[in-house]
Amino acid sequence: MGKEVHAGRFMAQPGEDVVIFLIGMRVNKWWAIHQWWPVFMAMPAMLKELYTRKELGFRSLEMTVNFRTILLVQYWKSFEDLKAYARGPIHLKAWRHFYKKVSQSKAVGIYHETYQLSPGKYECFYANMPVFGLAKAIGHKEVTIQYQSAEKRMNTSS
């Protein structure tokens, strides 16, 4: 994928508020492609907007795809930014289409979970990884002696 692997031990830069938003879809009926495909295809336009308009408060994401489920772990500056995006035209169009056309069919499901994190309430560790996850969203920092344990990384706010 072209992501440089950083040898050694790293963590996310401590000291920032962050909102983690898990969003995705689950295909319940593979044969009903006419119902789940439009839901799947709504995401690229939203992702393009998020990556090109940093003022929206979106920081980054990681995506996982398995047999039936797509999961996007998104990182946001604030819950207010996330709510504002949900009320924006691209997202509202996709949501209305889902609700009107396929929400009752059971062919496809959608989901989301939202978490607000404050400094000192999260810790991250990455060994021999590209910049990933929360470190990609808020900053990548080498683990120093003062951050050797998960407990020390958790109890920091700067």
Protein backbone atom coordinates (compact mmCIF):
# COMPACT_ATOMS: atom_id res chain seq x y z
CA MET A 1 0.00 0.00 0.00
CA GLY A 2 3.01 2.28 0.10
CA LYS A 3 2.73 3.02 3.81
CA GLU A 4 6.13 3.38 5.42
CA VAL A 5 6.60 1.00 8.34
CA HIS A 6 8.10 2.78 11.34
CA ALA A 7 10.47 0.42 13.16
CA GLY A 8 10.22 0.69 16.90
CA ARG A 9 7.57 1.62 19.42
CA PHE A 10 5.14 4.48 18.84
CA MET A 11 2.00 5.98 20.35
CA ALA A 12 -0.60 8.58 19.48
CA GLN A 13 0.35 12.10 20.47
CA PRO A 14 -1.30 12.63 23.87
CA GLY A 15 -3.24 15.66 24.95
CA GLU A 16 -6.11 16.09 22.49
CA ASP A 17 -9.84 15.57 22.67
CA VAL A 18 -11.02 13.21 19.97
CA VAL A 19 -14.29 11.70 18.77
CA ILE A 20 -14.19 8.17 17.42
CA PHE A 21 -17.04 7.28 15.13
CA LEU A 22 -17.59 3.71 13.99
CA ILE A 23 -19.85 3.49 10.96
CA GLY A 24 -20.59 0.82 8.46
CA MET A 25 -22.97 -1.51 6.75
CA ARG A 26 -23.79 -5.20 6.81
CA VAL A 27 -25.08 -7.07 3.78
CA ASN A 28 -27.81 -9.40 5.03
CA LYS A 29 -29.02 -10.68 1.66
CA TRP A 30 -26.22 -10.99 -0.92
CA TRP A 31 -28.69 -11.76 -3.72
CA ALA A 32 -30.47 -8.40 -3.18
CA ILE A 33 -27.64 -6.41 -4.77
CA HIS A 34 -30.11 -3.83 -6.13
CA GLN A 35 -30.86 -2.89 -2.50
CA TRP A 36 -27.44 -2.94 -0.84
CA TRP A 37 -25.31 -1.66 -3.73
CA PRO A 38 -26.67 1.92 -3.58
CA VAL A 39 -25.96 2.00 0.17
CA PHE A 40 -22.39 0.84 -0.50
CA MET A 41 -21.94 3.39 -3.30
CA ALA A 42 -23.08 6.32 -1.13
CA MET A 43 -19.88 6.16 0.90
CA PRO A 44 -17.27 7.24 -1.73
CA ALA A 45 -18.86 10.68 -2.20
CA MET A 46 -18.92 11.24 1.55
CA LEU A 47 -15.31 10.12 1.97
CA LYS A 48 -14.17 12.36 -0.88
CA GLU A 49 -15.87 15.32 0.77
CA LEU A 50 -14.36 14.50 4.17
CA TYR A 51 -10.82 14.19 2.82
CA THR A 52 -11.01 17.35 0.70
CA ARG A 53 -12.73 19.63 3.24
CA LYS A 54 -10.64 19.49 6.41
CA GLU A 55 -12.68 22.35 7.90
CA LEU A 56 -15.47 19.82 8.49
CA GLY A 57 -13.53 18.41 11.47
CA PHE A 58 -12.80 14.96 10.04
CA ARG A 59 -9.23 13.81 10.78
CA SER A 60 -8.76 10.35 9.29
CA LEU A 61 -10.13 6.82 9.12
CA GLU A 62 -9.28 3.15 9.00
CA MET A 63 -11.46 0.68 7.08
CA THR A 64 -12.03 -3.04 7.49
CA VAL A 65 -14.02 -5.23 5.13
CA ASN A 66 -15.00 -8.82 5.81
CA PHE A 67 -17.47 -11.26 4.29
CA ARG A 68 -20.63 -9.27 5.11
CA THR A 69 -19.59 -6.16 6.99
CA ILE A 70 -17.76 -2.93 6.23
CA LEU A 71 -16.46 -0.97 9.21
CA LEU A 72 -15.00 2.52 9.05
CA VAL A 73 -13.34 3.83 12.19
CA GLN A 74 -13.39 7.60 11.79
CA TYR A 75 -11.59 10.17 13.91
CA TRP A 76 -13.16 13.62 14.38
CA LYS A 77 -12.14 16.83 16.14
CA SER A 78 -15.45 17.14 17.99
CA PHE A 79 -18.93 15.72 18.35
CA GLU A 80 -20.30 19.05 17.11
CA ASP A 81 -18.34 18.66 13.85
CA LEU A 82 -19.67 15.13 13.43
CA LYS A 83 -23.28 16.24 14.06
CA ALA A 84 -22.90 19.11 11.60
CA TYR A 85 -21.64 16.73 8.93
CA ALA A 86 -24.56 14.36 9.53
CA ARG A 87 -26.90 17.28 8.75
CA GLY A 88 -25.02 18.20 5.58
CA PRO A 89 -26.36 17.67 2.06
CA ILE A 90 -24.28 14.67 0.95
CA HIS A 91 -24.95 12.65 4.09
CA LEU A 92 -28.63 13.63 4.27
CA LYS A 93 -29.16 12.56 0.66
CA ALA A 94 -27.66 9.12 1.38
CA TRP A 95 -29.61 8.74 4.62
CA ARG A 96 -32.91 9.70 3.01
CA HIS A 97 -32.31 7.28 0.15
CA PHE A 98 -31.57 4.46 2.59
CA TYR A 99 -34.60 5.25 4.72
CA LYS A 100 -36.99 5.58 1.78
CA LYS A 101 -35.75 2.73 -0.44
CA VAL A 102 -34.24 -0.03 1.67
CA SER A 103 -34.63 0.49 5.41
CA GLN A 104 -37.58 -1.91 5.57
CA SER A 105 -36.15 -4.60 3.28
CA LYS A 106 -33.67 -6.16 5.71
CA ALA A 107 -31.30 -6.71 2.76
CA VAL A 108 -28.76 -4.31 4.22
CA GLY A 109 -28.17 -2.87 7.65
CA ILE A 110 -26.26 0.22 8.69
CA TYR A 111 -24.83 1.11 12.07
CA HIS A 112 -22.77 3.63 13.95
CA GLU A 113 -21.27 4.13 17.39
CA THR A 114 -19.81 7.37 18.74
CA TYR A 115 -17.23 7.80 21.49
CA GLN A 116 -15.86 11.04 22.95
CA LEU A 117 -12.39 10.78 24.46
CA SER A 118 -10.55 13.29 26.60
CA PRO A 119 -6.81 13.53 27.22
CA GLY A 120 -5.74 10.99 29.80
CA LYS A 121 -8.64 8.69 28.84
CA TYR A 122 -7.03 6.80 25.99
CA GLU A 123 -3.76 5.11 25.18
CA CYS A 124 -2.38 3.64 22.00
CA PHE A 125 0.60 1.52 21.10
CA TYR A 126 2.01 0.63 17.69
CA ALA A 127 5.10 -1.50 17.05
CA ASN A 128 6.60 -1.81 13.57
CA MET A 129 3.52 -0.29 11.94
CA PRO A 130 2.78 2.45 9.45
CA VAL A 131 1.19 5.52 11.01
CA PHE A 132 -2.21 4.07 11.86
CA GLY A 133 -5.46 4.69 13.69
CA LEU A 134 -5.55 7.39 16.31
CA ALA A 135 -1.85 8.21 15.73
CA LYS A 136 -2.69 9.01 12.10
CA ALA A 137 -5.52 11.27 13.28
CA ILE A 138 -3.82 13.27 16.03
CA GLY A 139 -0.09 12.68 15.65
CA HIS A 140 2.49 9.94 15.82
CA LYS A 141 5.05 9.98 18.63
CA GLU A 142 7.85 7.64 19.59
CA VAL A 143 7.41 5.88 22.93
CA THR A 144 9.98 7.30 25.35
CA ILE A 145 10.92 6.09 28.82
CA GLN A 146 8.16 8.20 30.39
CA TYR A 147 5.53 6.37 28.28
CA GLN A 148 6.82 2.78 28.54
CA SER A 149 3.63 1.23 29.92
CA ALA A 150 -0.03 1.39 28.94
CA GLU A 151 -0.74 2.88 32.36
CA LYS A 152 1.74 5.72 31.79
CA ARG A 153 0.36 6.40 28.30
CA MET A 154 -3.19 6.42 29.68
CA ASN A 155 -2.44 8.86 32.49
CA THR A 156 -0.97 11.63 30.40
CA SER A 157 -2.61 14.74 29.06
CA SER A 158 0.32 16.31 27.23
